């Protein structure tokens, strides 16, 4: 079901502002996946107890106080978590940045790059799937790990909600065609 949005300065402004907000979320996710998490994993060898007192280990220990699974991920039973975190850094991190770049309008009409929709839909599905698996494992292990599930859901919720918004936006709304006589900067 594709919905065409009527062209007006208000709709164009709304589209651009919502894209800016989404892009900022994806830049934050890219920073976490490409910089923050790799710094922790490489510097701490998957074990928070081996870390020093730098900014990254302190932030990680704060999060681990709510989700103790992340304090020491060297246990064989946490292989699933190490695999998910590695995917976050190696695959998802660059995809976050690509989506953020793709959300920038490249035409005056507010259109996105042509590759954004397929990437956004595929990537949103992968993100939702991975966070649902993560949440399910957290719920199953909550009693034994002592995780504060409220904080786990609050902190990790954006990694599920924001991709759902992106998928809805890219799958259901087609940007309006330019009005007659509107100057075009790129050929179709």
C-alpha atoms as a PDB file:
ATOM      1  CA  UNK A   1       0.000   0.000   0.000  1.00  0.00           C
ATOM      2  CA  UNK A   2       1.707   3.189  -1.165  1.00  0.00           C
ATOM      3  CA  UNK A   3       0.457   6.583  -0.095  1.00  0.00           C
ATOM      4  CA  UNK A   4       1.299   9.718  -2.043  1.00  0.00           C
ATOM      5  CA  UNK A   5       1.768  12.790   0.073  1.00  0.00           C
ATOM      6  CA  UNK A   6       0.279  15.994  -1.270  1.00  0.00           C
ATOM      7  CA  UNK A   7       2.944  18.573  -2.096  1.00  0.00           C
ATOM      8  CA  UNK A   8       2.946  21.640   0.101  1.00  0.00           C
ATOM      9  CA  UNK A   9       5.652  23.567   1.922  1.00  0.00           C
ATOM     10  CA  UNK A  10       4.327  22.150   5.232  1.00  0.00           C
ATOM     11  CA  UNK A  11       4.538  18.523   4.062  1.00  0.00           C
ATOM     12  CA  UNK A  12       8.006  19.068   2.636  1.00  0.00           C
ATOM     13  CA  UNK A  13       9.123  20.699   5.897  1.00  0.00           C
ATOM     14  CA  UNK A  14       7.649  17.815   7.926  1.00  0.00           C
ATOM     15  CA  UNK A  15       9.342  15.234   5.690  1.00  0.00           C
ATOM     16  CA  UNK A  16      12.729  16.937   5.966  1.00  0.00           C
ATOM     17  CA  UNK A  17      12.480  17.472   9.749  1.00  0.00           C
ATOM     18  CA  UNK A  18      11.417  13.869  10.366  1.00  0.00           C
ATOM     19  CA  UNK A  19      14.293  12.722   8.158  1.00  0.00           C
ATOM     20  CA  UNK A  20      16.702  14.876  10.162  1.00  0.00           C
ATOM     21  CA  UNK A  21      15.447  13.338  13.428  1.00  0.00           C
ATOM     22  CA  UNK A  22      15.734   9.794  12.035  1.00  0.00           C
ATOM     23  CA  UNK A  23      19.190  10.528  10.626  1.00  0.00           C
ATOM     24  CA  UNK A  24      20.353  11.775  14.025  1.00  0.00           C
ATOM     25  CA  UNK A  25      19.168   8.560  15.673  1.00  0.00           C
ATOM     26  CA  UNK A  26      21.018   6.516  13.059  1.00  0.00           C
ATOM     27  CA  UNK A  27      24.185   8.605  13.518  1.00  0.00           C
ATOM     28  CA  UNK A  28      23.976   7.860  17.261  1.00  0.00           C
ATOM     29  CA  UNK A  29      23.513   4.150  16.509  1.00  0.00           C
ATOM     30  CA  UNK A  30      26.478   4.323  14.076  1.00  0.00           C
ATOM     31  CA  UNK A  31      28.664   5.882  16.773  1.00  0.00           C
ATOM     32  CA  UNK A  32      27.701   3.116  19.207  1.00  0.00           C
ATOM     33  CA  UNK A  33      28.217   0.329  16.655  1.00  0.00           C
ATOM     34  CA  UNK A  34      31.356   1.647  14.943  1.00  0.00           C
ATOM     35  CA  UNK A  35      33.184   3.418  17.788  1.00  0.00           C
ATOM     36  CA  UNK A  36      31.915   2.864  21.321  1.00  0.00           C
ATOM     37  CA  UNK A  37      31.286  -0.896  21.285  1.00  0.00           C
ATOM     38  CA  UNK A  38      34.461  -1.841  19.372  1.00  0.00           C
ATOM     39  CA  UNK A  39      36.521   0.258  21.789  1.00  0.00           C
ATOM     40  CA  UNK A  40      35.073  -1.702  24.683  1.00  0.00           C
ATOM     41  CA  UNK A  41      35.334  -5.161  23.096  1.00  0.00           C
ATOM     42  CA  UNK A  42      38.890  -4.614  21.821  1.00  0.00           C
ATOM     43  CA  UNK A  43      40.127  -2.852  24.940  1.00  0.00           C
ATOM     44  CA  UNK A  44      38.447  -5.114  27.485  1.00  0.00           C
ATOM     45  CA  UNK A  45      38.591  -8.491  25.754  1.00  0.00           C
ATOM     46  CA  UNK A  46      34.853  -9.018  26.370  1.00  0.00           C
ATOM     47  CA  UNK A  47      35.433  -8.756  30.114  1.00  0.00           C
ATOM     48  CA  UNK A  48      34.535  -5.578  32.015  1.00  0.00           C
ATOM     49  CA  UNK A  49      36.667  -6.640  34.984  1.00  0.00           C
ATOM     50  CA  UNK A  50      39.811  -6.411  32.824  1.00  0.00           C
ATOM     51  CA  UNK A  51      39.140  -2.795  31.830  1.00  0.00           C
ATOM     52  CA  UNK A  52      40.798   0.288  33.147  1.00  0.00           C
ATOM     53  CA  UNK A  53      39.085   3.444  34.328  1.00  0.00           C
ATOM     54  CA  UNK A  54      38.618   5.207  30.990  1.00  0.00           C
ATOM     55  CA  UNK A  55      35.357   6.786  29.859  1.00  0.00           C
ATOM     56  CA  UNK A  56      34.258   3.816  27.734  1.00  0.00           C
ATOM     57  CA  UNK A  57      34.745   1.192  30.498  1.00  0.00           C
ATOM     58  CA  UNK A  58      32.959   3.405  33.038  1.00  0.00           C
ATOM     59  CA  UNK A  59      29.948   3.873  30.747  1.00  0.00           C
ATOM     60  CA  UNK A  60      29.968   0.138  29.994  1.00  0.00           C
ATOM     61  CA  UNK A  61      30.053  -0.737  33.694  1.00  0.00           C
ATOM     62  CA  UNK A  62      27.104   1.600  34.296  1.00  0.00           C
ATOM     63  CA  UNK A  63      25.097  -0.239  31.629  1.00  0.00           C
ATOM     64  CA  UNK A  64      26.298  -3.581  33.018  1.00  0.00           C
ATOM     65  CA  UNK A  65      24.902  -2.642  36.415  1.00  0.00           C
ATOM     66  CA  UNK A  66      21.463  -2.915  34.776  1.00  0.00           C
ATOM     67  CA  UNK A  67      22.358  -5.767  32.440  1.00  0.00           C
ATOM     68  CA  UNK A  68      25.022  -7.968  34.107  1.00  0.00           C
ATOM     69  CA  UNK A  69      25.314 -10.215  31.030  1.00  0.00           C
ATOM     70  CA  UNK A  70      27.513  -7.532  29.489  1.00  0.00           C
ATOM     71  CA  UNK A  71      29.965  -7.376  32.376  1.00  0.00           C
ATOM     72  CA  UNK A  72      31.713 -10.624  31.463  1.00  0.00           C
ATOM     73  CA  UNK A  73      30.818 -12.092  28.086  1.00  0.00           C
ATOM     74  CA  UNK A  74      33.605 -14.686  28.085  1.00  0.00           C
ATOM     75  CA  UNK A  75      31.352 -17.495  29.346  1.00  0.00           C
ATOM     76  CA  UNK A  76      30.700 -20.188  26.692  1.00  0.00           C
ATOM     77  CA  UNK A  77      26.951 -19.869  27.330  1.00  0.00           C
ATOM     78  CA  UNK A  78      27.118 -16.245  26.106  1.00  0.00           C
ATOM     79  CA  UNK A  79      28.451 -17.084  22.638  1.00  0.00           C
ATOM     80  CA  UNK A  80      25.097 -15.912  21.220  1.00  0.00           C
ATOM     81  CA  UNK A  81      25.656 -12.477  22.776  1.00  0.00           C
ATOM     82  CA  UNK A  82      29.221 -12.185  21.443  1.00  0.00           C
ATOM     83  CA  UNK A  83      27.963 -13.107  17.957  1.00  0.00           C
ATOM     84  CA  UNK A  84      25.198 -10.491  18.161  1.00  0.00           C
ATOM     85  CA  UNK A  85      27.631  -7.829  19.391  1.00  0.00           C
ATOM     86  CA  UNK A  86      30.113  -8.675  16.637  1.00  0.00           C
ATOM     87  CA  UNK A  87      27.334  -8.340  14.041  1.00  0.00           C
ATOM     88  CA  UNK A  88      26.424  -5.000  15.615  1.00  0.00           C
ATOM     89  CA  UNK A  89      29.959  -3.698  15.057  1.00  0.00           C
ATOM     90  CA  UNK A  90      30.865  -5.299  11.732  1.00  0.00           C
ATOM     91  CA  UNK A  91      27.559  -5.294   9.815  1.00  0.00           C
ATOM     92  CA  UNK A  92      25.072  -3.036  11.553  1.00  0.00           C
ATOM     93  CA  UNK A  93      27.475  -0.178  12.388  1.00  0.00           C
ATOM     94  CA  UNK A  94      28.250   0.686   8.751  1.00  0.00           C
ATOM     95  CA  UNK A  95      24.580   0.170   7.807  1.00  0.00           C
ATOM     96  CA  UNK A  96      23.526   2.705  10.458  1.00  0.00           C
ATOM     97  CA  UNK A  97      25.809   5.261   8.821  1.00  0.00           C
ATOM     98  CA  UNK A  98      24.575   4.376   5.319  1.00  0.00           C
ATOM     99  CA  UNK A  99      20.944   4.855   6.389  1.00  0.00           C
ATOM    100  CA  UNK A 100      21.808   8.198   8.027  1.00  0.00           C
ATOM    101  CA  UNK A 101      23.470   9.346   4.793  1.00  0.00           C
ATOM    102  CA  UNK A 102      20.566   8.026   2.714  1.00  0.00           C
ATOM    103  CA  UNK A 103      18.050   9.997   4.759  1.00  0.00           C
ATOM    104  CA  UNK A 104      19.614  13.244   3.572  1.00  0.00           C
ATOM    105  CA  UNK A 105      17.509  14.632   0.715  1.00  0.00           C
ATOM    106  CA  UNK A 106      19.558  14.839  -2.447  1.00  0.00           C
ATOM    107  CA  UNK A 107      16.999  16.807  -4.447  1.00  0.00           C
ATOM    108  CA  UNK A 108      15.213  20.049  -3.653  1.00  0.00           C
ATOM    109  CA  UNK A 109      11.919  18.123  -3.657  1.00  0.00           C
ATOM    110  CA  UNK A 110      13.061  16.206  -0.576  1.00  0.00           C
ATOM    111  CA  UNK A 111      13.592  12.886  -2.371  1.00  0.00           C
ATOM    112  CA  UNK A 112      16.046  10.386  -0.947  1.00  0.00           C
ATOM    113  CA  UNK A 113      18.714   8.440  -2.703  1.00  0.00           C
ATOM    114  CA  UNK A 114      17.189   5.591  -4.730  1.00  0.00           C
ATOM    115  CA  UNK A 115      18.988   2.924  -2.675  1.00  0.00           C
ATOM    116  CA  UNK A 116      17.554   4.024   0.684  1.00  0.00           C
ATOM    117  CA  UNK A 117      14.236   2.177   0.515  1.00  0.00           C
ATOM    118  CA  UNK A 118      15.610  -1.342  -0.129  1.00  0.00           C
ATOM    119  CA  UNK A 119      18.417  -0.863   2.415  1.00  0.00           C
ATOM    120  CA  UNK A 120      16.057   0.631   5.011  1.00  0.00           C
ATOM    121  CA  UNK A 121      13.490  -2.146   4.699  1.00  0.00           C
ATOM    122  CA  UNK A 122      16.036  -4.975   4.803  1.00  0.00           C
ATOM    123  CA  UNK A 123      18.074  -3.400   7.584  1.00  0.00           C
ATOM    124  CA  UNK A 124      15.017  -2.470   9.667  1.00  0.00           C
ATOM    125  CA  UNK A 125      13.857  -6.075   9.519  1.00  0.00           C
ATOM    126  CA  UNK A 126      17.292  -7.310  10.608  1.00  0.00           C
ATOM    127  CA  UNK A 127      17.414  -4.823  13.498  1.00  0.00           C
ATOM    128  CA  UNK A 128      13.943  -5.657  14.751  1.00  0.00           C
ATOM    129  CA  UNK A 129      14.690  -9.376  14.514  1.00  0.00           C
ATOM    130  CA  UNK A 130      18.003  -9.048  16.395  1.00  0.00           C
ATOM    131  CA  UNK A 131      16.528  -6.891  19.170  1.00  0.00           C
ATOM    132  CA  UNK A 132      13.524  -9.204  19.582  1.00  0.00           C
ATOM    133  CA  UNK A 133      15.930 -12.160  19.945  1.00  0.00           C
ATOM    134  CA  UNK A 134      18.030 -10.126  22.404  1.00  0.00           C
ATOM    135  CA  UNK A 135      14.957  -9.116  24.442  1.00  0.00           C
ATOM    136  CA  UNK A 136      13.688 -12.712  24.462  1.00  0.00           C
ATOM    137  CA  UNK A 137      17.035 -13.991  25.751  1.00  0.00           C
ATOM    138  CA  UNK A 138      17.125 -11.226  28.371  1.00  0.00           C
ATOM    139  CA  UNK A 139      13.649 -12.180  29.605  1.00  0.00           C
ATOM    140  CA  UNK A 140      14.564 -15.878  29.736  1.00  0.00           C
ATOM    141  CA  UNK A 141      17.810 -15.154  31.617  1.00  0.00           C
ATOM    142  CA  UNK A 142      16.489 -12.274  33.780  1.00  0.00           C
ATOM    143  CA  UNK A 143      16.153 -14.329  36.985  1.00  0.00           C
ATOM    144  CA  UNK A 144      19.632 -15.824  36.762  1.00  0.00           C
ATOM    145  CA  UNK A 145      21.404 -12.685  35.502  1.00  0.00           C
ATOM    146  CA  UNK A 146      19.687 -10.186  37.788  1.00  0.00           C
ATOM    147  CA  UNK A 147      19.031  -7.780  34.908  1.00  0.00           C
ATOM    148  CA  UNK A 148      16.902  -4.706  35.537  1.00  0.00           C
ATOM    149  CA  UNK A 149      14.464  -5.361  32.700  1.00  0.00           C
ATOM    150  CA  UNK A 150      12.949  -1.885  32.839  1.00  0.00           C
ATOM    151  CA  UNK A 151      16.328  -0.290  32.142  1.00  0.00           C
ATOM    152  CA  UNK A 152      17.206  -2.922  29.527  1.00  0.00           C
ATOM    153  CA  UNK A 153      14.008  -2.135  27.606  1.00  0.00           C
ATOM    154  CA  UNK A 154      14.345   1.652  28.045  1.00  0.00           C
ATOM    155  CA  UNK A 155      17.946   1.790  26.851  1.00  0.00           C
ATOM    156  CA  UNK A 156      17.606  -0.736  24.030  1.00  0.00           C
ATOM    157  CA  UNK A 157      14.069   0.192  22.954  1.00  0.00           C
ATOM    158  CA  UNK A 158      15.187   2.801  20.410  1.00  0.00           C
ATOM    159  CA  UNK A 159      17.058   0.064  18.498  1.00  0.00           C
ATOM    160  CA  UNK A 160      13.629  -1.492  17.867  1.00  0.00           C
ATOM    161  CA  UNK A 161      11.295   1.512  17.677  1.00  0.00           C
ATOM    162  CA  UNK A 162      13.400   3.756  15.395  1.00  0.00           C
ATOM    163  CA  UNK A 163      13.911   1.034  12.723  1.00  0.00           C
ATOM    164  CA  UNK A 164      10.137   0.394  12.787  1.00  0.00           C
ATOM    165  CA  UNK A 165       9.535   4.099  12.134  1.00  0.00           C
ATOM    166  CA  UNK A 166      12.108   4.021   9.329  1.00  0.00           C
ATOM    167  CA  UNK A 167      10.491   0.954   7.764  1.00  0.00           C
ATOM    168  CA  UNK A 168       7.034   2.514   7.946  1.00  0.00           C
ATOM    169  CA  UNK A 169       8.272   5.794   6.506  1.00  0.00           C
ATOM    170  CA  UNK A 170      10.182   4.242   3.615  1.00  0.00           C
ATOM    171  CA  UNK A 171       7.595   1.567   2.812  1.00  0.00           C
ATOM    172  CA  UNK A 172       4.385   3.581   2.935  1.00  0.00           C
ATOM    173  CA  UNK A 173       5.121   7.148   1.978  1.00  0.00           C
ATOM    174  CA  UNK A 174       6.229   8.124  -1.484  1.00  0.00           C
ATOM    175  CA  UNK A 175       7.618  11.639  -1.647  1.00  0.00           C
ATOM    176  CA  UNK A 176       5.477  13.956  -3.743  1.00  0.00           C
ATOM    177  CA  UNK A 177       6.350  14.735  -7.326  1.00  0.00           C
ATOM    178  CA  UNK A 178       7.693  18.226  -7.827  1.00  0.00           C
ATOM    179  CA  UNK A 179       5.155  20.839  -8.799  1.00  0.00           C
ATOM    180  CA  UNK A 180       4.952  21.835 -12.443  1.00  0.00           C
ATOM    181  CA  UNK A 181       7.744  24.240 -13.308  1.00  0.00           C
ATOM    182  CA  UNK A 182       9.780  23.360 -10.206  1.00  0.00           C
ATOM    183  CA  UNK A 183      13.462  23.345 -11.177  1.00  0.00           C
ATOM    184  CA  UNK A 184      15.039  19.918 -11.178  1.00  0.00           C
ATOM    185  CA  UNK A 185      18.710  19.459 -10.417  1.00  0.00           C
ATOM    186  CA  UNK A 186      19.022  15.755 -11.245  1.00  0.00           C
ATOM    187  CA  UNK A 187      17.584  13.767 -14.151  1.00  0.00           C
ATOM    188  CA  UNK A 188      15.314  10.814 -13.314  1.00  0.00           C
END
